[in-house]
Each structure stands twice: as C-alpha cells, then as structure tokens.
C-alpha cells in the first residue's frame, strides 16, 4: 500500500511539474557563437532582446531594413542603418565598440549579415534577434 502511495505521489509530482511553463533561457543556446570572441556575434530571441532592452545599461537597437520598411513598422527606439550601409555608417552611428548592439531586420537574414559585418569591424557585443516578424511586443510607425 505504501509503495503504491509513494509511486502515485512521485508520478503526480512529475505530471504537475511538466505542466508548468518554463521561463525562456537567460543565455543564448550553447551552439551560438560567443559574442565576446573577436569576429563573432550571438543569436538571441525576441524575449532575450526585450530583457536586454529593459535593463538599465545602454544599448543600441539597429534596424537594418530599408527606409520604407522601417517607416511602415519598427521597434520603438531602433535606429535605421540599412544593411547595405552598415559598413560605411557604423563608425559614426555606433562609435562605442563595447556597447551591446541588437540587430534585426524582417526575417533575420539581413540581420545576420549585418551582425557579422559589425563583429568583423571589432564590435564586441553584437546580437541578432532575427526579424521583426518574431517580435511579439509593440511597434511604431513613421
């Protein structure tokens, strides 16, 4: 009888634990590049990007889409540096190479290229959060 009760409690506890929602990981997955290594950037998700943005430390949020895409919808506080201009404008628009930089585009492809270009230029904390399509939070127009 006791064994049956213990087994019931163990199984019940496991089932209840499986029903709880897990918090998103605090760190990027282990298979992403380490942004602290020269010439690398890290991939984060929208939740992680929002957490970084909500933190008190300064950061740069860079939208690498076209001006037309940016004006239709963008994340509040994002600066527009189209991916085709990132190499030419990064030095003047992003003078602090140690500040965290979060890069995004529409789906993530242009952001990855821009993030790699920034990392290659010596920026040490570059993160790509993919695209605005994955952004579940408010956006602005104009």
C-alpha atoms as a PDB file:
ATOM      1  CA  UNK A   1       0.000   0.000   0.000  1.00  0.00           C
ATOM      2  CA  UNK A   2       2.795   2.402   0.931  1.00  0.00           C
ATOM      3  CA  UNK A   3       4.697   1.682  -2.265  1.00  0.00           C
ATOM      4  CA  UNK A   4       1.580   2.390  -4.314  1.00  0.00           C
ATOM      5  CA  UNK A   5       1.023   5.688  -2.481  1.00  0.00           C
ATOM      6  CA  UNK A   6       4.671   6.724  -2.912  1.00  0.00           C
ATOM      7  CA  UNK A   7       4.577   5.821  -6.606  1.00  0.00           C
ATOM      8  CA  UNK A   8       1.332   7.801  -7.009  1.00  0.00           C
ATOM      9  CA  UNK A   9       2.869  10.863  -5.332  1.00  0.00           C
ATOM     10  CA  UNK A  10       6.036  10.669  -7.439  1.00  0.00           C
ATOM     11  CA  UNK A  11       4.106  10.334 -10.704  1.00  0.00           C
ATOM     12  CA  UNK A  12       1.673  13.072  -9.683  1.00  0.00           C
ATOM     13  CA  UNK A  13       4.510  15.427  -8.821  1.00  0.00           C
ATOM     14  CA  UNK A  14       6.197  14.736 -12.157  1.00  0.00           C
ATOM     15  CA  UNK A  15       2.981  15.400 -14.052  1.00  0.00           C
ATOM     16  CA  UNK A  16       2.391  18.668 -12.240  1.00  0.00           C
ATOM     17  CA  UNK A  17       5.972  19.777 -12.801  1.00  0.00           C
ATOM     18  CA  UNK A  18       5.594  19.058 -16.509  1.00  0.00           C
ATOM     19  CA  UNK A  19       2.594  21.388 -16.710  1.00  0.00           C
ATOM     20  CA  UNK A  20       4.396  24.488 -15.520  1.00  0.00           C
ATOM     21  CA  UNK A  21       5.611  26.944 -18.108  1.00  0.00           C
ATOM     22  CA  UNK A  22       9.327  27.255 -18.416  1.00  0.00           C
ATOM     23  CA  UNK A  23      10.959  30.663 -18.466  1.00  0.00           C
ATOM     24  CA  UNK A  24      12.984  31.470 -21.566  1.00  0.00           C
ATOM     25  CA  UNK A  25      16.669  30.749 -21.242  1.00  0.00           C
ATOM     26  CA  UNK A  26      18.704  33.626 -19.837  1.00  0.00           C
ATOM     27  CA  UNK A  27      21.614  32.922 -22.154  1.00  0.00           C
ATOM     28  CA  UNK A  28      21.716  32.199 -25.869  1.00  0.00           C
ATOM     29  CA  UNK A  29      21.811  28.496 -26.767  1.00  0.00           C
ATOM     30  CA  UNK A  30      25.196  26.842 -26.374  1.00  0.00           C
ATOM     31  CA  UNK A  31      25.586  26.313 -30.126  1.00  0.00           C
ATOM     32  CA  UNK A  32      25.541  30.033 -30.952  1.00  0.00           C
ATOM     33  CA  UNK A  33      28.777  31.970 -31.313  1.00  0.00           C
ATOM     34  CA  UNK A  34      30.126  33.687 -28.208  1.00  0.00           C
ATOM     35  CA  UNK A  35      29.843  37.453 -28.794  1.00  0.00           C
ATOM     36  CA  UNK A  36      32.862  38.015 -26.546  1.00  0.00           C
ATOM     37  CA  UNK A  37      35.146  36.328 -29.096  1.00  0.00           C
ATOM     38  CA  UNK A  38      36.581  38.635 -31.773  1.00  0.00           C
ATOM     39  CA  UNK A  39      34.702  38.453 -35.064  1.00  0.00           C
ATOM     40  CA  UNK A  40      31.633  36.726 -33.642  1.00  0.00           C
ATOM     41  CA  UNK A  41      28.081  37.622 -32.712  1.00  0.00           C
ATOM     42  CA  UNK A  42      25.350  35.871 -30.740  1.00  0.00           C
ATOM     43  CA  UNK A  43      21.838  34.940 -31.756  1.00  0.00           C
ATOM     44  CA  UNK A  44      19.117  35.741 -29.235  1.00  0.00           C
ATOM     45  CA  UNK A  45      15.340  35.555 -29.365  1.00  0.00           C
ATOM     46  CA  UNK A  46      12.851  38.408 -29.016  1.00  0.00           C
ATOM     47  CA  UNK A  47      12.284  37.742 -25.312  1.00  0.00           C
ATOM     48  CA  UNK A  48      16.007  37.916 -24.602  1.00  0.00           C
ATOM     49  CA  UNK A  49      16.312  41.098 -26.678  1.00  0.00           C
ATOM     50  CA  UNK A  50      13.440  42.705 -24.748  1.00  0.00           C
ATOM     51  CA  UNK A  51      15.105  41.755 -21.466  1.00  0.00           C
ATOM     52  CA  UNK A  52      18.320  43.409 -22.619  1.00  0.00           C
ATOM     53  CA  UNK A  53      16.412  46.496 -23.718  1.00  0.00           C
ATOM     54  CA  UNK A  54      14.581  46.723 -20.391  1.00  0.00           C
ATOM     55  CA  UNK A  55      17.853  46.582 -18.441  1.00  0.00           C
ATOM     56  CA  UNK A  56      19.307  49.868 -17.252  1.00  0.00           C
ATOM     57  CA  UNK A  57      22.553  49.598 -19.226  1.00  0.00           C
ATOM     58  CA  UNK A  58      22.869  51.433 -22.564  1.00  0.00           C
ATOM     59  CA  UNK A  59      22.472  49.520 -25.811  1.00  0.00           C
ATOM     60  CA  UNK A  60      21.909  50.214 -29.500  1.00  0.00           C
ATOM     61  CA  UNK A  61      18.964  48.726 -31.354  1.00  0.00           C
ATOM     62  CA  UNK A  62      19.651  48.668 -35.097  1.00  0.00           C
ATOM     63  CA  UNK A  63      17.061  48.017 -37.804  1.00  0.00           C
ATOM     64  CA  UNK A  64      18.885  47.023 -40.992  1.00  0.00           C
ATOM     65  CA  UNK A  65      15.893  47.037 -43.346  1.00  0.00           C
ATOM     66  CA  UNK A  66      15.106  49.703 -45.947  1.00  0.00           C
ATOM     67  CA  UNK A  67      13.737  53.127 -45.027  1.00  0.00           C
ATOM     68  CA  UNK A  68      10.363  52.149 -46.494  1.00  0.00           C
ATOM     69  CA  UNK A  69      10.164  49.011 -44.308  1.00  0.00           C
ATOM     70  CA  UNK A  70      11.286  50.989 -41.257  1.00  0.00           C
ATOM     71  CA  UNK A  71       8.614  53.658 -41.805  1.00  0.00           C
ATOM     72  CA  UNK A  72       5.887  51.028 -42.112  1.00  0.00           C
ATOM     73  CA  UNK A  73       6.772  49.458 -38.748  1.00  0.00           C
ATOM     74  CA  UNK A  74       9.757  49.305 -36.433  1.00  0.00           C
ATOM     75  CA  UNK A  75      10.633  48.692 -32.809  1.00  0.00           C
ATOM     76  CA  UNK A  76      10.480  51.869 -30.757  1.00  0.00           C
ATOM     77  CA  UNK A  77      13.955  53.277 -30.205  1.00  0.00           C
ATOM     78  CA  UNK A  78      15.535  51.494 -33.170  1.00  0.00           C
ATOM     79  CA  UNK A  79      17.937  53.397 -35.375  1.00  0.00           C
ATOM     80  CA  UNK A  80      17.800  52.738 -39.081  1.00  0.00           C
ATOM     81  CA  UNK A  81      21.052  51.657 -40.704  1.00  0.00           C
ATOM     82  CA  UNK A  82      20.217  49.640 -43.823  1.00  0.00           C
ATOM     83  CA  UNK A  83      22.358  46.527 -44.182  1.00  0.00           C
ATOM     84  CA  UNK A  84      23.797  47.944 -47.414  1.00  0.00           C
ATOM     85  CA  UNK A  85      25.153  50.915 -45.417  1.00  0.00           C
ATOM     86  CA  UNK A  86      26.288  49.189 -42.212  1.00  0.00           C
ATOM     87  CA  UNK A  87      29.988  49.173 -43.070  1.00  0.00           C
ATOM     88  CA  UNK A  88      30.005  52.830 -44.109  1.00  0.00           C
ATOM     89  CA  UNK A  89      27.921  54.184 -41.221  1.00  0.00           C
ATOM     90  CA  UNK A  90      28.804  52.012 -38.231  1.00  0.00           C
ATOM     91  CA  UNK A  91      31.854  54.046 -37.247  1.00  0.00           C
ATOM     92  CA  UNK A  92      29.889  57.295 -36.951  1.00  0.00           C
ATOM     93  CA  UNK A  93      26.477  55.956 -35.873  1.00  0.00           C
ATOM     94  CA  UNK A  94      27.831  53.346 -33.436  1.00  0.00           C
ATOM     95  CA  UNK A  95      31.031  54.867 -32.013  1.00  0.00           C
ATOM     96  CA  UNK A  96      31.218  52.679 -28.862  1.00  0.00           C
ATOM     97  CA  UNK A  97      32.506  49.275 -29.956  1.00  0.00           C
ATOM     98  CA  UNK A  98      31.896  47.803 -26.478  1.00  0.00           C
ATOM     99  CA  UNK A  99      28.200  48.781 -26.198  1.00  0.00           C
ATOM    100  CA  UNK A 100      25.706  45.941 -26.735  1.00  0.00           C
ATOM    101  CA  UNK A 101      24.179  46.164 -30.217  1.00  0.00           C
ATOM    102  CA  UNK A 102      20.963  44.311 -31.052  1.00  0.00           C
ATOM    103  CA  UNK A 103      20.382  43.945 -34.796  1.00  0.00           C
ATOM    104  CA  UNK A 104      17.158  42.958 -36.540  1.00  0.00           C
ATOM    105  CA  UNK A 105      15.551  43.001 -39.980  1.00  0.00           C
ATOM    106  CA  UNK A 106      12.355  41.452 -41.352  1.00  0.00           C
ATOM    107  CA  UNK A 107      13.115  37.746 -41.006  1.00  0.00           C
ATOM    108  CA  UNK A 108      16.710  37.526 -39.792  1.00  0.00           C
ATOM    109  CA  UNK A 109      18.787  37.070 -42.939  1.00  0.00           C
ATOM    110  CA  UNK A 110      19.953  40.680 -43.347  1.00  0.00           C
ATOM    111  CA  UNK A 111      20.415  40.989 -39.581  1.00  0.00           C
ATOM    112  CA  UNK A 112      22.816  38.047 -39.538  1.00  0.00           C
ATOM    113  CA  UNK A 113      24.904  39.574 -42.315  1.00  0.00           C
ATOM    114  CA  UNK A 114      24.961  42.979 -40.623  1.00  0.00           C
ATOM    115  CA  UNK A 115      25.822  41.420 -37.248  1.00  0.00           C
ATOM    116  CA  UNK A 116      28.752  39.587 -38.798  1.00  0.00           C
ATOM    117  CA  UNK A 117      29.927  42.794 -40.504  1.00  0.00           C
ATOM    118  CA  UNK A 118      29.829  44.622 -37.143  1.00  0.00           C
ATOM    119  CA  UNK A 119      31.703  41.807 -35.426  1.00  0.00           C
ATOM    120  CA  UNK A 120      34.305  41.855 -38.198  1.00  0.00           C
ATOM    121  CA  UNK A 121      34.735  45.617 -37.605  1.00  0.00           C
ATOM    122  CA  UNK A 122      35.639  44.962 -33.967  1.00  0.00           C
ATOM    123  CA  UNK A 123      32.315  45.433 -32.186  1.00  0.00           C
ATOM    124  CA  UNK A 124      32.450  43.140 -29.176  1.00  0.00           C
ATOM    125  CA  UNK A 125      28.813  42.694 -28.065  1.00  0.00           C
ATOM    126  CA  UNK A 126      26.753  42.118 -31.201  1.00  0.00           C
ATOM    127  CA  UNK A 127      23.454  40.224 -31.025  1.00  0.00           C
ATOM    128  CA  UNK A 128      20.986  39.381 -33.741  1.00  0.00           C
ATOM    129  CA  UNK A 129      17.411  38.787 -32.655  1.00  0.00           C
ATOM    130  CA  UNK A 130      16.307  37.769 -36.115  1.00  0.00           C
ATOM    131  CA  UNK A 131      13.364  39.628 -37.550  1.00  0.00           C
ATOM    132  CA  UNK A 132      10.541  41.927 -36.626  1.00  0.00           C
ATOM    133  CA  UNK A 133       8.226  39.109 -37.720  1.00  0.00           C
ATOM    134  CA  UNK A 134       9.217  37.364 -34.468  1.00  0.00           C
ATOM    135  CA  UNK A 135       8.733  40.479 -32.279  1.00  0.00           C
ATOM    136  CA  UNK A 136       5.607  39.925 -30.105  1.00  0.00           C
ATOM    137  CA  UNK A 137       5.750  43.372 -28.499  1.00  0.00           C
ATOM    138  CA  UNK A 138       4.545  46.811 -29.587  1.00  0.00           C
ATOM    139  CA  UNK A 139       5.944  48.523 -32.649  1.00  0.00           C
ATOM    140  CA  UNK A 140       5.648  52.045 -34.032  1.00  0.00           C
ATOM    141  CA  UNK A 141       5.224  53.552 -37.492  1.00  0.00           C
ATOM    142  CA  UNK A 142       6.806  56.537 -39.163  1.00  0.00           C
END
